[in-house]
Amino acid sequence: MPTPAPVRPLDAAAVRELTAAASELLADHGSATSPELLADLPRTCARLSEEIHSALRPVDTSDGLFLLRGLQPDDSELGSTPAHWSSVGDAGVLWDVVLLLVSALMGTPIAWEGQQDGRFVHNIVPSPGHESEQTGASSSVLLTPHTEDAFHPGRAHLLLLCCMRNHDNIATTAASIRMTSLADEDVEQLRRPVVPILPDDAYEQARQFAGRPAPVPTLFDTNEGLTMRFDPAYTPLEEADEAWRAAYGRLGDELARVSVAVSLEPGDVLVVDNDIVVHGRVPFRARYDGADRWLKRASVRVEDRATRPLAEHDEHGYGQVALTAWAA
């Protein structure tokens, strides 16, 4: 039986310290998107207490995730849940900076030129007209469990989801490859690069890229165990041979068997190891009344982490360029 996500609590003193540091950065630089603020993150992180550094140590269990708990955004101060990421403005901007600090304590925050205008913190809200897509703006369909930005060799090592609002207790799902029980034959099949993973609908420019998609493996070995690159909604399974498709289907079944459902509370930060865990979301009915679910998302690269095959260095990434906070 899958166990709930491990919880790492932050006490009141640590929360005050983290939010005070975020407030100081905002006061000094004026905007969460300021290049100067992004460049100042490492210096600010270095001054934070050992308790905060300990709570934000790397993911260290086979679950591949943990829940950072203790932050407390004020629902009344946030304003209405926006109907689209582009209309958020400065709503919840303090929590953008808090999430950037949390990200910088674990690695280097990254962003994408082709997604949400190159922002390092994304706002995930249900949007009218996008209900049935396989993106964070959807609502009425199951968001299929997937590796974040699986199409790209520079994808994040860690994914952070910070809850601003979740009145309807809508669950995020997560499943670790290291909790599954796959037959050796299936693992061997899925080590083969048979089909590509295509960019998702959030990357309009990448979907128009003229380069030929290259097949990529779904599973690969590291010293710590199997890692995974999985996004069935954007994988042309019909192009694969029957044996590979059958193994891929059994992998999906195993991930469903070990999946956990996490209903995030305001202030919770779900930290997911994007190399071993796929995440998704259950369907829900968006009301568009200003009280819908609202998450903030950040992506983190951990330098010198040996979890990707060398062949990925030759991929074109569909023309998408990852931005790093220190160089922004």
Protein backbone atom coordinates (compact mmCIF):
# COMPACT_ATOMS: atom_id res chain seq x y z
CA MET A 1 0.00 0.00 0.00
CA PRO A 2 1.57 3.35 -1.01
CA THR A 3 2.45 5.58 1.93
CA PRO A 4 1.63 9.30 2.12
CA ALA A 5 4.28 11.83 1.16
CA PRO A 6 6.91 12.34 3.88
CA VAL A 7 6.46 15.70 5.63
CA ARG A 8 9.28 18.07 6.59
CA PRO A 9 7.86 20.76 8.92
CA LEU A 10 9.11 24.32 9.21
CA ASP A 11 8.47 25.85 12.63
CA ALA A 12 7.18 29.38 13.13
CA ALA A 13 10.67 30.87 13.59
CA ALA A 14 11.92 29.32 10.34
CA VAL A 15 8.84 30.54 8.47
CA ARG A 16 9.39 34.08 9.80
CA GLU A 17 13.04 33.95 8.75
CA LEU A 18 12.23 32.73 5.24
CA THR A 19 9.43 35.24 4.63
CA ALA A 20 11.52 38.10 6.07
CA ALA A 21 14.35 37.22 3.68
CA ALA A 22 11.87 37.21 0.77
CA SER A 23 10.44 40.57 1.86
CA GLU A 24 13.94 42.05 2.03
CA LEU A 25 14.74 40.84 -1.47
CA LEU A 26 11.52 42.38 -2.79
CA ALA A 27 12.22 45.66 -1.02
CA ASP A 28 15.76 45.77 -2.45
CA HIS A 29 14.90 44.79 -6.03
CA GLY A 30 11.22 45.63 -6.53
CA SER A 31 10.11 42.60 -8.53
CA ALA A 32 10.26 38.81 -8.35
CA THR A 33 11.33 38.81 -12.02
CA SER A 34 14.22 41.24 -11.49
CA PRO A 35 17.57 39.84 -12.76
CA GLU A 36 19.23 41.49 -9.76
CA LEU A 37 16.92 39.66 -7.35
CA LEU A 38 17.62 36.35 -9.07
CA ALA A 39 21.37 36.96 -8.89
CA ASP A 40 21.04 37.83 -5.18
CA LEU A 41 19.41 34.51 -4.24
CA PRO A 42 22.63 32.57 -3.40
CA ARG A 43 23.88 35.32 -1.07
CA THR A 44 20.55 35.43 0.75
CA CYS A 45 20.38 31.64 1.01
CA ALA A 46 23.85 31.52 2.56
CA ARG A 47 22.61 33.63 5.47
CA LEU A 48 19.62 31.40 6.30
CA SER A 49 19.63 29.17 9.37
CA GLU A 50 20.80 25.58 9.55
CA GLU A 51 17.22 24.48 10.26
CA ILE A 52 16.06 25.82 6.91
CA HIS A 53 19.04 24.29 5.08
CA SER A 54 18.35 20.93 6.75
CA ALA A 55 14.64 20.94 5.86
CA LEU A 56 15.56 21.66 2.26
CA ARG A 57 18.19 18.96 1.85
CA PRO A 58 17.80 16.80 -1.27
CA VAL A 59 15.02 14.27 -1.68
CA ASP A 60 16.49 11.22 0.06
CA THR A 61 13.98 8.36 -0.06
CA SER A 62 12.67 5.98 -2.70
CA ASP A 63 9.37 7.87 -2.60
CA GLY A 64 11.18 10.60 -4.51
CA LEU A 65 9.23 13.42 -2.90
CA PHE A 66 8.49 15.28 0.30
CA LEU A 67 6.07 17.89 1.56
CA LEU A 68 7.49 21.07 3.06
CA ARG A 69 4.84 22.31 5.50
CA GLY A 70 4.51 25.42 7.64
CA LEU A 71 4.29 28.37 5.25
CA GLN A 72 1.03 30.29 5.68
CA PRO A 73 -0.18 32.52 2.84
CA ASP A 74 -3.15 34.71 3.81
CA ASP A 75 -6.08 33.78 1.58
CA SER A 76 -7.70 37.20 1.97
CA GLU A 77 -4.51 38.99 0.88
CA LEU A 78 -4.06 36.90 -2.27
CA GLY A 79 -7.12 38.23 -4.05
CA SER A 80 -9.10 36.17 -6.52
CA THR A 81 -7.62 33.20 -8.32
CA PRO A 82 -6.81 34.58 -11.77
CA ALA A 83 -8.40 33.05 -14.85
CA HIS A 84 -5.04 32.79 -16.66
CA TRP A 85 -1.37 32.86 -15.67
CA SER A 86 -0.83 36.07 -17.64
CA SER A 87 -3.33 38.01 -15.52
CA VAL A 88 -1.74 37.22 -12.13
CA GLY A 89 0.25 40.47 -11.97
CA ASP A 90 1.74 40.99 -8.51
CA ALA A 91 -0.77 38.73 -6.74
CA GLY A 92 1.12 36.49 -4.33
CA VAL A 93 4.47 38.01 -5.36
CA LEU A 94 5.98 37.49 -1.90
CA TRP A 95 5.38 33.75 -2.33
CA ASP A 96 7.11 33.85 -5.71
CA VAL A 97 10.23 35.02 -3.89
CA VAL A 98 9.79 32.51 -1.05
CA LEU A 99 9.55 29.73 -3.64
CA LEU A 100 12.64 31.07 -5.41
CA LEU A 101 14.56 30.94 -2.12
CA VAL A 102 13.37 27.39 -1.47
CA SER A 103 14.43 26.47 -5.02
CA ALA A 104 17.84 28.11 -4.70
CA LEU A 105 18.53 26.21 -1.48
CA MET A 106 18.25 22.96 -3.47
CA GLY A 107 19.95 23.90 -6.72
CA THR A 108 19.67 26.41 -9.56
CA PRO A 109 16.19 27.66 -10.55
CA ILE A 110 15.52 27.39 -14.29
CA ALA A 111 12.94 28.86 -16.65
CA TRP A 112 12.02 28.44 -20.32
CA GLU A 113 11.99 31.08 -23.03
CA GLY A 114 8.86 29.53 -24.51
CA GLN A 115 6.74 29.15 -21.36
CA GLN A 116 4.97 31.82 -19.30
CA ASP A 117 7.19 34.58 -20.77
CA GLY A 118 10.40 33.08 -19.35
CA ARG A 119 9.30 33.43 -15.70
CA PHE A 120 11.06 31.41 -13.03
CA VAL A 121 7.84 30.93 -11.05
CA HIS A 122 4.76 29.75 -12.97
CA ASN A 123 1.19 30.20 -11.85
CA ILE A 124 -0.94 27.09 -12.32
CA VAL A 125 -4.65 27.94 -12.50
CA PRO A 126 -7.59 26.48 -14.43
CA SER A 127 -8.26 28.57 -17.53
CA PRO A 128 -11.43 28.83 -19.64
CA GLY A 129 -11.04 27.10 -22.99
CA HIS A 130 -8.23 24.83 -21.75
CA GLU A 131 -10.31 22.42 -19.65
CA SER A 132 -9.46 19.26 -21.61
CA GLU A 133 -5.78 19.88 -22.43
CA GLN A 134 -2.89 17.94 -20.97
CA THR A 135 -1.40 21.05 -19.33
CA GLY A 136 -1.57 22.73 -15.94
CA ALA A 137 -4.38 24.99 -17.20
CA SER A 138 -6.75 22.03 -17.59
CA SER A 139 -9.40 20.88 -15.13
CA SER A 140 -12.06 18.52 -16.46
CA VAL A 141 -9.68 15.71 -17.46
CA LEU A 142 -7.15 13.62 -15.59
CA LEU A 143 -3.75 15.25 -15.95
CA THR A 144 -1.88 12.12 -16.95
CA PRO A 145 1.11 11.30 -14.72
CA HIS A 146 4.24 12.55 -16.45
CA THR A 147 7.82 13.71 -16.12
CA GLU A 148 7.90 17.52 -16.15
CA ASP A 149 9.16 18.80 -19.53
CA ALA A 150 9.99 15.23 -20.55
CA PHE A 151 10.62 16.32 -24.16
CA HIS A 152 13.74 18.30 -23.22
CA PRO A 153 17.23 17.08 -22.21
CA GLY A 154 17.62 20.12 -19.93
CA ARG A 155 14.46 19.40 -17.94
CA ALA A 156 14.44 20.04 -14.20
CA HIS A 157 15.86 17.56 -11.71
CA LEU A 158 13.42 18.82 -9.08
CA LEU A 159 9.89 20.17 -9.44
CA LEU A 160 8.31 22.33 -6.72
CA LEU A 161 4.58 22.92 -6.39
CA CYS A 162 3.53 25.54 -3.83
CA CYS A 163 -0.15 25.73 -2.92
CA MET A 164 -1.77 29.15 -2.68
CA ARG A 165 -5.36 27.96 -2.59
CA ASN A 166 -7.12 24.59 -2.76
CA HIS A 167 -10.57 24.95 -1.21
CA ASP A 168 -11.86 21.87 -3.05
CA ASN A 169 -9.04 19.54 -1.87
CA ILE A 170 -8.04 18.66 -5.43
CA ALA A 171 -5.34 16.01 -5.30
CA THR A 172 -1.95 16.01 -6.99
CA THR A 173 -0.81 12.48 -7.83
CA ALA A 174 2.76 11.15 -7.71
CA ALA A 175 4.40 7.79 -8.37
CA SER A 176 8.05 6.69 -8.11
CA ILE A 177 9.70 4.27 -10.51
CA ARG A 178 11.68 2.93 -7.53
CA MET A 179 8.49 1.79 -5.81
CA THR A 180 7.37 -0.31 -8.79
CA SER A 181 7.93 -4.01 -9.45
CA LEU A 182 8.67 -4.32 -13.16
CA ALA A 183 9.88 -7.53 -14.77
CA ASP A 184 13.47 -7.46 -16.00
CA GLU A 185 12.21 -8.04 -19.53
CA ASP A 186 10.07 -4.90 -19.38
CA VAL A 187 12.95 -2.83 -18.06
CA GLU A 188 15.12 -4.07 -20.94
CA GLN A 189 12.44 -3.12 -23.47
CA LEU A 190 12.06 0.37 -22.03
CA ARG A 191 15.79 1.03 -22.05
CA ARG A 192 15.53 0.99 -25.86
CA PRO A 193 15.10 4.42 -27.57
CA VAL A 194 12.09 3.56 -29.72
CA VAL A 195 9.88 6.67 -29.98
CA PRO A 196 10.29 10.39 -29.21
CA ILE A 197 8.56 12.49 -26.56
CA LEU A 198 6.94 15.55 -28.15
CA PRO A 199 6.58 19.02 -26.57
CA ASP A 200 3.33 19.58 -24.71
CA ASP A 201 0.69 22.17 -25.57
CA ALA A 202 2.22 24.77 -23.23
CA TYR A 203 5.19 25.10 -25.64
CA GLU A 204 3.71 26.56 -28.81
CA GLN A 205 7.06 27.42 -30.41
CA ALA A 206 8.53 24.01 -29.64
CA ARG A 207 5.56 22.28 -31.26
CA GLN A 208 6.34 24.14 -34.49
CA PHE A 209 10.03 23.17 -34.48
CA ALA A 210 11.15 21.82 -37.85
CA GLY A 211 13.76 19.37 -36.60
CA ARG A 212 13.09 15.65 -36.70
CA PRO A 213 12.11 14.20 -33.27
CA ALA A 214 14.62 11.67 -31.96
CA PRO A 215 13.65 8.48 -30.10
CA VAL A 216 14.54 8.49 -26.40
CA PRO A 217 14.65 5.72 -23.76
CA THR A 218 11.97 5.63 -21.08
CA LEU A 219 14.12 4.02 -18.37
CA PHE A 220 17.84 4.20 -17.65
CA ASP A 221 20.20 3.07 -14.91
CA THR A 222 22.19 5.09 -12.39
CA ASN A 223 24.23 4.09 -9.36
CA GLU A 224 21.19 4.85 -7.17
CA GLY A 225 18.69 2.89 -9.29
CA LEU A 226 16.35 3.39 -12.23
CA THR A 227 15.43 6.84 -13.50
CA MET A 228 12.59 7.65 -15.86
CA ARG A 229 11.46 9.90 -18.70
CA PHE A 230 7.72 9.39 -19.15
CA ASP A 231 4.91 11.38 -20.77
CA PRO A 232 2.35 9.10 -22.42
CA ALA A 233 0.06 11.96 -23.52
CA TYR A 234 2.84 13.29 -25.78
CA THR A 235 4.46 10.01 -26.83
CA PRO A 236 3.44 8.61 -30.27
CA LEU A 237 2.91 5.07 -28.98
CA GLU A 238 1.46 3.93 -32.31
CA GLU A 239 4.96 4.21 -33.82
CA ALA A 240 6.43 1.62 -31.43
CA ASP A 241 6.61 -2.14 -31.85
CA GLU A 242 4.19 -4.38 -29.99
CA ALA A 243 6.67 -5.67 -27.39
CA TRP A 244 7.73 -2.14 -26.43
CA ARG A 245 4.10 -0.93 -26.24
CA ALA A 246 3.20 -3.82 -23.96
CA ALA A 247 6.10 -3.05 -21.62
CA TYR A 248 5.17 0.65 -21.62
CA GLY A 249 1.60 -0.26 -20.71
CA ARG A 250 2.78 -2.41 -17.81
CA LEU A 251 4.95 0.48 -16.59
CA GLY A 252 1.87 2.71 -16.61
CA ASP A 253 -0.07 0.08 -14.65
CA GLU A 254 2.72 -0.20 -12.05
CA LEU A 255 2.95 3.57 -11.65
CA ALA A 256 -0.81 3.68 -11.09
CA ARG A 257 -0.51 0.92 -8.48
CA VAL A 258 2.07 2.78 -6.41
CA SER A 259 0.63 6.26 -6.95
CA VAL A 260 -0.11 8.50 -3.97
CA ALA A 261 -2.64 11.34 -3.91
CA VAL A 262 -1.58 14.51 -2.10
CA SER A 263 -4.20 17.17 -1.38
CA LEU A 264 -2.06 20.26 -0.89
CA GLU A 265 -2.97 22.78 1.78
CA PRO A 266 -2.19 26.51 1.44
CA GLY A 267 1.54 26.99 2.05
CA ASP A 268 2.47 23.37 1.33
CA VAL A 269 5.39 22.92 -1.07
CA LEU A 270 5.50 19.52 -2.74
CA VAL A 271 9.07 18.74 -3.82
CA VAL A 272 9.28 16.06 -6.52
CA ASP A 273 12.39 14.32 -7.86
CA ASN A 274 11.65 14.69 -11.57
CA ASP A 275 14.08 11.89 -12.46
CA ILE A 276 12.21 9.16 -10.61
CA VAL A 277 8.68 10.47 -9.97
CA VAL A 278 5.84 11.24 -12.35
CA HIS A 279 3.13 13.64 -11.19
CA GLY A 280 -0.39 14.44 -12.32
CA ARG A 281 -3.72 15.75 -11.06
CA VAL A 282 -7.21 14.38 -10.62
CA PRO A 283 -10.01 15.95 -12.71
CA PHE A 284 -12.21 18.65 -11.17
CA ARG A 285 -14.86 21.13 -12.19
CA ALA A 286 -13.48 24.66 -12.37
CA ARG A 287 -15.93 27.33 -11.22
CA TYR A 288 -14.05 30.42 -12.43
CA ASP A 289 -15.41 32.33 -9.46
CA GLY A 290 -12.09 33.54 -8.07
CA ALA A 291 -11.76 30.70 -5.56
CA ASP A 292 -10.37 27.91 -7.78
CA ARG A 293 -7.20 25.95 -7.06
CA TRP A 294 -4.00 27.98 -7.46
CA LEU A 295 -0.47 26.61 -7.36
CA LYS A 296 2.91 28.21 -8.00
CA ARG A 297 5.50 26.04 -9.76
CA ALA A 298 9.29 26.22 -9.89
CA SER A 299 11.87 24.04 -11.60
CA VAL A 300 15.35 23.33 -10.26
CA ARG A 301 18.47 21.94 -11.87
CA VAL A 302 21.01 20.20 -9.62
CA GLU A 303 24.46 20.65 -11.12
CA ASP A 304 26.64 17.58 -11.72
CA ARG A 305 23.80 15.19 -10.96
CA ALA A 306 24.49 11.93 -12.81
CA THR A 307 20.93 10.92 -13.62
CA ARG A 308 20.77 11.45 -17.39
CA PRO A 309 22.31 9.38 -20.19
CA LEU A 310 25.13 11.08 -22.12
CA ALA A 311 23.18 10.70 -25.37
CA GLU A 312 20.81 13.43 -24.21
CA HIS A 313 23.55 16.02 -24.83
CA ASP A 314 23.02 15.57 -28.57
CA GLU A 315 19.27 16.33 -28.51
CA HIS A 316 17.96 19.55 -30.05
CA GLY A 317 15.29 20.14 -27.38
CA TYR A 318 12.90 21.35 -30.07
CA GLY A 319 14.66 24.70 -30.07
CA GLN A 320 13.78 25.50 -26.46
CA VAL A 321 16.42 27.19 -24.32
CA ALA A 322 16.52 26.85 -20.55
CA LEU A 323 17.34 30.03 -18.63
CA THR A 324 19.21 29.84 -15.32
CA ALA A 325 18.58 32.24 -12.45
CA TRP A 326 22.18 33.29 -11.95
CA ALA A 327 22.60 34.19 -15.61
CA ALA A 328 19.19 35.87 -15.99
